[in-house]
C-alpha atoms as a PDB file:
ATOM      1  CA  UNK A   1     101.829 108.220 113.281  1.00  0.00           C
ATOM      2  CA  UNK A   2     104.229 110.902 111.298  1.00  0.00           C
ATOM      3  CA  UNK A   3     103.957 111.884 107.861  1.00  0.00           C
ATOM      4  CA  UNK A   4     105.090 109.220 105.198  1.00  0.00           C
ATOM      5  CA  UNK A   5     108.624 109.958 104.126  1.00  0.00           C
ATOM      6  CA  UNK A   6     107.594 110.118 100.746  1.00  0.00           C
ATOM      7  CA  UNK A   7     106.222 114.115 101.094  1.00  0.00           C
ATOM      8  CA  UNK A   8     105.382 114.074  97.316  1.00  0.00           C
ATOM      9  CA  UNK A   9     102.420 111.311  97.861  1.00  0.00           C
ATOM     10  CA  UNK A  10      99.387 111.873  99.973  1.00  0.00           C
ATOM     11  CA  UNK A  11      99.427 111.191 103.314  1.00  0.00           C
ATOM     12  CA  UNK A  12      95.425 110.699 104.987  1.00  0.00           C
ATOM     13  CA  UNK A  13      95.498 109.292 108.330  1.00  0.00           C
ATOM     14  CA  UNK A  14      92.362 107.643 110.259  1.00  0.00           C
ATOM     15  CA  UNK A  15      91.411 111.124 111.993  1.00  0.00           C
ATOM     16  CA  UNK A  16      87.754 111.673 110.967  1.00  0.00           C
ATOM     17  CA  UNK A  17      85.040 108.734 110.941  1.00  0.00           C
ATOM     18  CA  UNK A  18      84.119 109.400 107.456  1.00  0.00           C
ATOM     19  CA  UNK A  19      87.720 108.404 106.058  1.00  0.00           C
ATOM     20  CA  UNK A  20      86.689 109.443 102.115  1.00  0.00           C
ATOM     21  CA  UNK A  21      89.258 113.126 102.423  1.00  0.00           C
ATOM     22  CA  UNK A  22      91.818 113.437  99.277  1.00  0.00           C
ATOM     23  CA  UNK A  23      94.487 116.118  97.728  1.00  0.00           C
ATOM     24  CA  UNK A  24      94.952 116.698  94.223  1.00  0.00           C
ATOM     25  CA  UNK A  25      97.416 119.272  92.727  1.00  0.00           C
ATOM     26  CA  UNK A  26      94.561 121.898  92.764  1.00  0.00           C
ATOM     27  CA  UNK A  27      92.552 121.125  95.953  1.00  0.00           C
ATOM     28  CA  UNK A  28      92.226 119.114  99.279  1.00  0.00           C
ATOM     29  CA  UNK A  29      89.431 118.032 101.442  1.00  0.00           C
ATOM     30  CA  UNK A  30      89.260 119.847 104.918  1.00  0.00           C
ATOM     31  CA  UNK A  31      87.221 117.783 107.197  1.00  0.00           C
ATOM     32  CA  UNK A  32      85.503 117.834 110.590  1.00  0.00           C
ATOM     33  CA  UNK A  33      86.596 115.586 113.184  1.00  0.00           C
ATOM     34  CA  UNK A  34      83.124 113.219 112.934  1.00  0.00           C
ATOM     35  CA  UNK A  35      82.756 113.621 108.712  1.00  0.00           C
ATOM     36  CA  UNK A  36      79.946 115.419 108.823  1.00  0.00           C
ATOM     37  CA  UNK A  37      81.466 118.814 107.490  1.00  0.00           C
ATOM     38  CA  UNK A  38      84.312 118.319 104.129  1.00  0.00           C
ATOM     39  CA  UNK A  39      85.116 121.400 102.458  1.00  0.00           C
ATOM     40  CA  UNK A  40      87.399 121.447  99.103  1.00  0.00           C
ATOM     41  CA  UNK A  41      90.177 124.245  99.739  1.00  0.00           C
ATOM     42  CA  UNK A  42      92.202 125.390  96.969  1.00  0.00           C
ATOM     43  CA  UNK A  43      95.989 125.011  96.454  1.00  0.00           C
ATOM     44  CA  UNK A  44      97.612 127.200  94.703  1.00  0.00           C
ATOM     45  CA  UNK A  45      96.729 130.943  93.626  1.00  0.00           C
ATOM     46  CA  UNK A  46      94.150 132.657  92.637  1.00  0.00           C
ATOM     47  CA  UNK A  47      92.432 130.738  95.556  1.00  0.00           C
ATOM     48  CA  UNK A  48      94.931 130.104  98.125  1.00  0.00           C
ATOM     49  CA  UNK A  49      96.140 133.681  99.279  1.00  0.00           C
ATOM     50  CA  UNK A  50      98.219 132.485 102.030  1.00  0.00           C
ATOM     51  CA  UNK A  51      98.848 129.867 104.817  1.00  0.00           C
ATOM     52  CA  UNK A  52     100.085 131.588 108.737  1.00  0.00           C
ATOM     53  CA  UNK A  53     100.469 130.920 112.407  1.00  0.00           C
ATOM     54  CA  UNK A  54      98.718 133.043 114.723  1.00  0.00           C
ATOM     55  CA  UNK A  55      99.968 133.359 118.357  1.00  0.00           C
ATOM     56  CA  UNK A  56      97.450 135.853 119.196  1.00  0.00           C
ATOM     57  CA  UNK A  57      95.355 135.536 122.474  1.00  0.00           C
ATOM     58  CA  UNK A  58      91.589 135.171 120.404  1.00  0.00           C
ATOM     59  CA  UNK A  59      93.740 132.545 118.534  1.00  0.00           C
ATOM     60  CA  UNK A  60      94.977 130.940 121.478  1.00  0.00           C
ATOM     61  CA  UNK A  61      91.256 130.429 123.308  1.00  0.00           C
ATOM     62  CA  UNK A  62      89.299 129.654 120.227  1.00  0.00           C
ATOM     63  CA  UNK A  63      91.397 126.907 119.316  1.00  0.00           C
ATOM     64  CA  UNK A  64      92.189 125.393 122.841  1.00  0.00           C
ATOM     65  CA  UNK A  65      96.023 125.618 121.897  1.00  0.00           C
ATOM     66  CA  UNK A  66      99.104 127.955 122.181  1.00  0.00           C
ATOM     67  CA  UNK A  67      98.741 129.031 118.622  1.00  0.00           C
ATOM     68  CA  UNK A  68      96.484 128.333 115.271  1.00  0.00           C
ATOM     69  CA  UNK A  69      97.523 127.219 111.663  1.00  0.00           C
ATOM     70  CA  UNK A  70      95.798 129.070 109.046  1.00  0.00           C
ATOM     71  CA  UNK A  71      94.547 128.706 104.999  1.00  0.00           C
ATOM     72  CA  UNK A  72      93.384 132.290 103.720  1.00  0.00           C
ATOM     73  CA  UNK A  73      91.325 131.152 100.722  1.00  0.00           C
ATOM     74  CA  UNK A  74      88.978 133.263  98.388  1.00  0.00           C
ATOM     75  CA  UNK A  75      85.270 132.286  99.265  1.00  0.00           C
ATOM     76  CA  UNK A  76      84.914 131.838  95.536  1.00  0.00           C
ATOM     77  CA  UNK A  77      87.183 128.633  95.803  1.00  0.00           C
ATOM     78  CA  UNK A  78      85.726 127.327  98.625  1.00  0.00           C
ATOM     79  CA  UNK A  79      83.556 124.330  97.873  1.00  0.00           C
ATOM     80  CA  UNK A  80      81.253 122.691 100.392  1.00  0.00           C
ATOM     81  CA  UNK A  81      81.309 119.143  99.774  1.00  0.00           C
ATOM     82  CA  UNK A  82      79.126 118.322 102.603  1.00  0.00           C
ATOM     83  CA  UNK A  83      77.640 119.443 105.594  1.00  0.00           C
ATOM     84  CA  UNK A  84      77.049 123.029 105.013  1.00  0.00           C
ATOM     85  CA  UNK A  85      73.962 122.859 106.626  1.00  0.00           C
ATOM     86  CA  UNK A  86      75.720 121.189 109.984  1.00  0.00           C
ATOM     87  CA  UNK A  87      77.640 124.594 110.281  1.00  0.00           C
ATOM     88  CA  UNK A  88      76.483 126.910 113.604  1.00  0.00           C
ATOM     89  CA  UNK A  89      78.200 130.072 113.724  1.00  0.00           C
ATOM     90  CA  UNK A  90      79.280 132.378 116.264  1.00  0.00           C
ATOM     91  CA  UNK A  91      80.639 136.140 115.851  1.00  0.00           C
ATOM     92  CA  UNK A  92      81.807 138.801 118.324  1.00  0.00           C
ATOM     93  CA  UNK A  93      84.064 141.383 117.759  1.00  0.00           C
ATOM     94  CA  UNK A  94      85.440 142.310 121.612  1.00  0.00           C
ATOM     95  CA  UNK A  95      88.412 139.709 121.583  1.00  0.00           C
ATOM     96  CA  UNK A  96      89.592 140.870 118.020  1.00  0.00           C
ATOM     97  CA  UNK A  97      92.720 143.224 117.683  1.00  0.00           C
ATOM     98  CA  UNK A  98      90.692 145.207 114.658  1.00  0.00           C
ATOM     99  CA  UNK A  99      87.266 145.286 116.729  1.00  0.00           C
ATOM    100  CA  UNK A 100      85.704 144.132 113.569  1.00  0.00           C
ATOM    101  CA  UNK A 101      83.345 140.756 114.120  1.00  0.00           C
ATOM    102  CA  UNK A 102      85.461 137.796 113.491  1.00  0.00           C
ATOM    103  CA  UNK A 103      82.778 134.535 112.534  1.00  0.00           C
ATOM    104  CA  UNK A 104      83.681 131.074 113.889  1.00  0.00           C
ATOM    105  CA  UNK A 105      82.124 127.960 111.586  1.00  0.00           C
ATOM    106  CA  UNK A 106      81.851 125.045 113.798  1.00  0.00           C
ATOM    107  CA  UNK A 107      80.744 121.490 113.322  1.00  0.00           C
ATOM    108  CA  UNK A 108      77.308 121.520 115.380  1.00  0.00           C
ATOM    109  CA  UNK A 109      77.890 117.507 116.019  1.00  0.00           C
ATOM    110  CA  UNK A 110      81.215 117.312 116.546  1.00  0.00           C
ATOM    111  CA  UNK A 111      82.657 120.955 117.553  1.00  0.00           C
ATOM    112  CA  UNK A 112      85.589 121.180 115.087  1.00  0.00           C
ATOM    113  CA  UNK A 113      86.432 124.352 114.185  1.00  0.00           C
ATOM    114  CA  UNK A 114      86.173 124.500 110.584  1.00  0.00           C
ATOM    115  CA  UNK A 115      87.017 128.157 109.358  1.00  0.00           C
ATOM    116  CA  UNK A 116      86.127 131.467 110.445  1.00  0.00           C
ATOM    117  CA  UNK A 117      85.207 134.813 108.383  1.00  0.00           C
ATOM    118  CA  UNK A 118      85.744 138.770 108.956  1.00  0.00           C
ATOM    119  CA  UNK A 119      84.151 141.915 108.329  1.00  0.00           C
ATOM    120  CA  UNK A 120      87.568 143.271 107.986  1.00  0.00           C
ATOM    121  CA  UNK A 121      88.492 140.822 105.147  1.00  0.00           C
ATOM    122  CA  UNK A 122      85.195 140.361 103.369  1.00  0.00           C
ATOM    123  CA  UNK A 123      85.609 137.924 100.704  1.00  0.00           C
ATOM    124  CA  UNK A 124      87.805 135.309 102.041  1.00  0.00           C
ATOM    125  CA  UNK A 125      87.607 132.106 104.610  1.00  0.00           C
ATOM    126  CA  UNK A 126      90.608 131.574 107.218  1.00  0.00           C
ATOM    127  CA  UNK A 127      90.362 128.231 107.285  1.00  0.00           C
ATOM    128  CA  UNK A 128      92.222 125.863 109.957  1.00  0.00           C
ATOM    129  CA  UNK A 129      94.775 123.564 108.647  1.00  0.00           C
ATOM    130  CA  UNK A 130      94.469 121.227 111.011  1.00  0.00           C
ATOM    131  CA  UNK A 131      91.024 119.827 109.206  1.00  0.00           C
ATOM    132  CA  UNK A 132      92.935 119.844 106.038  1.00  0.00           C
ATOM    133  CA  UNK A 133      93.010 115.444 105.764  1.00  0.00           C
ATOM    134  CA  UNK A 134      96.295 115.077 103.897  1.00  0.00           C
ATOM    135  CA  UNK A 135      98.584 115.585 106.591  1.00  0.00           C
ATOM    136  CA  UNK A 136     101.699 116.048 104.142  1.00  0.00           C
ATOM    137  CA  UNK A 137     100.405 119.425 102.602  1.00  0.00           C
ATOM    138  CA  UNK A 138     101.267 121.177 105.561  1.00  0.00           C
ATOM    139  CA  UNK A 139     105.244 120.253 105.285  1.00  0.00           C
ATOM    140  CA  UNK A 140     104.716 121.417 101.485  1.00  0.00           C
ATOM    141  CA  UNK A 141     101.668 123.300  99.680  1.00  0.00           C
ATOM    142  CA  UNK A 142     100.395 124.340 102.780  1.00  0.00           C
ATOM    143  CA  UNK A 143     103.753 124.996 104.527  1.00  0.00           C
ATOM    144  CA  UNK A 144     103.225 128.066 106.643  1.00  0.00           C
ATOM    145  CA  UNK A 145     104.927 131.233 105.122  1.00  0.00           C
ATOM    146  CA  UNK A 146     103.849 133.676 107.883  1.00  0.00           C
ATOM    147  CA  UNK A 147     104.163 133.833 111.982  1.00  0.00           C
ATOM    148  CA  UNK A 148     102.144 136.328 113.616  1.00  0.00           C
ATOM    149  CA  UNK A 149     102.315 138.183 117.133  1.00  0.00           C
ATOM    150  CA  UNK A 150     105.567 136.541 117.815  1.00  0.00           C
ATOM    151  CA  UNK A 151     105.247 138.722 120.743  1.00  0.00           C
ATOM    152  CA  UNK A 152     102.430 136.563 122.484  1.00  0.00           C
ATOM    153  CA  UNK A 153     104.419 133.411 121.379  1.00  0.00           C
ATOM    154  CA  UNK A 154     105.399 131.259 124.031  1.00  0.00           C
ATOM    155  CA  UNK A 155     108.364 130.303 125.269  1.00  0.00           C
ATOM    156  CA  UNK A 156     108.866 127.030 124.628  1.00  0.00           C
ATOM    157  CA  UNK A 157     107.453 127.645 120.676  1.00  0.00           C
ATOM    158  CA  UNK A 158     110.415 129.001 118.929  1.00  0.00           C
ATOM    159  CA  UNK A 159     108.654 129.935 115.641  1.00  0.00           C
ATOM    160  CA  UNK A 160     108.240 128.375 112.045  1.00  0.00           C
ATOM    161  CA  UNK A 161     111.155 127.801 110.539  1.00  0.00           C
ATOM    162  CA  UNK A 162     111.232 130.012 107.231  1.00  0.00           C
ATOM    163  CA  UNK A 163     108.467 131.244 108.175  1.00  0.00           C
ATOM    164  CA  UNK A 164     108.352 135.491 107.684  1.00  0.00           C
ATOM    165  CA  UNK A 165     108.092 136.620 111.782  1.00  0.00           C
ATOM    166  CA  UNK A 166     106.018 139.453 112.244  1.00  0.00           C
ATOM    167  CA  UNK A 167     105.062 141.510 115.327  1.00  0.00           C
ATOM    168  CA  UNK A 168     101.272 142.156 115.692  1.00  0.00           C
ATOM    169  CA  UNK A 169      99.099 141.153 112.685  1.00  0.00           C
ATOM    170  CA  UNK A 170     100.241 140.938 109.286  1.00  0.00           C
ATOM    171  CA  UNK A 171      98.161 142.100 106.143  1.00  0.00           C
ATOM    172  CA  UNK A 172      94.895 140.450 107.991  1.00  0.00           C
END
C-alpha cells in the first residue's frame, strides 16, 4: 500500500511487530523489523543535519540494495526509546572510502541495520530512512536533499528528483 494521499498526516503502515511508531513536529520513531529496538530521530535542525541517498559500493552491500537512504542526526538529539542493549555492532575500514572505521549497529534479533557511526564524523549517527515508521516523512520532512556517488548509480535508477547530485562523497 502506498503512502496516504494526504501527506500532512502520518502514515504508519503495519510494518513492525510492535506497531507503536509515531511522529510529531519535532521527532519520529525509527523501529527495527521485529520491534525490539526503537529510536526517536529529530525532524528539524539543529538535531537533523541532512538526508541523503548514497550509491557507493559499501552502502549497496550493507543494505543488500542498490543504494541507501540516510538521515544524519546529532548524537545528542537521537533517543533510544527501547532495545539499545539489543544492538550489536560490526566495525571495519577496508571498504570505506575515507579509510576510517565505520560501525554498523544492527538489531541482534531481526538483523535490521538501524544506523552507522563513523570515526571520520564523530557526534552523529547515520540512520536508515527505511526504519522511520511514518512513511509520509520520506515524502516531506525527510525527503533526501543530496544524492552522492552518482557515478556508481545503477542505470535503471535515475536519481532523486530535486536532490543535489554529487560525484563521490558529499560532506560526509
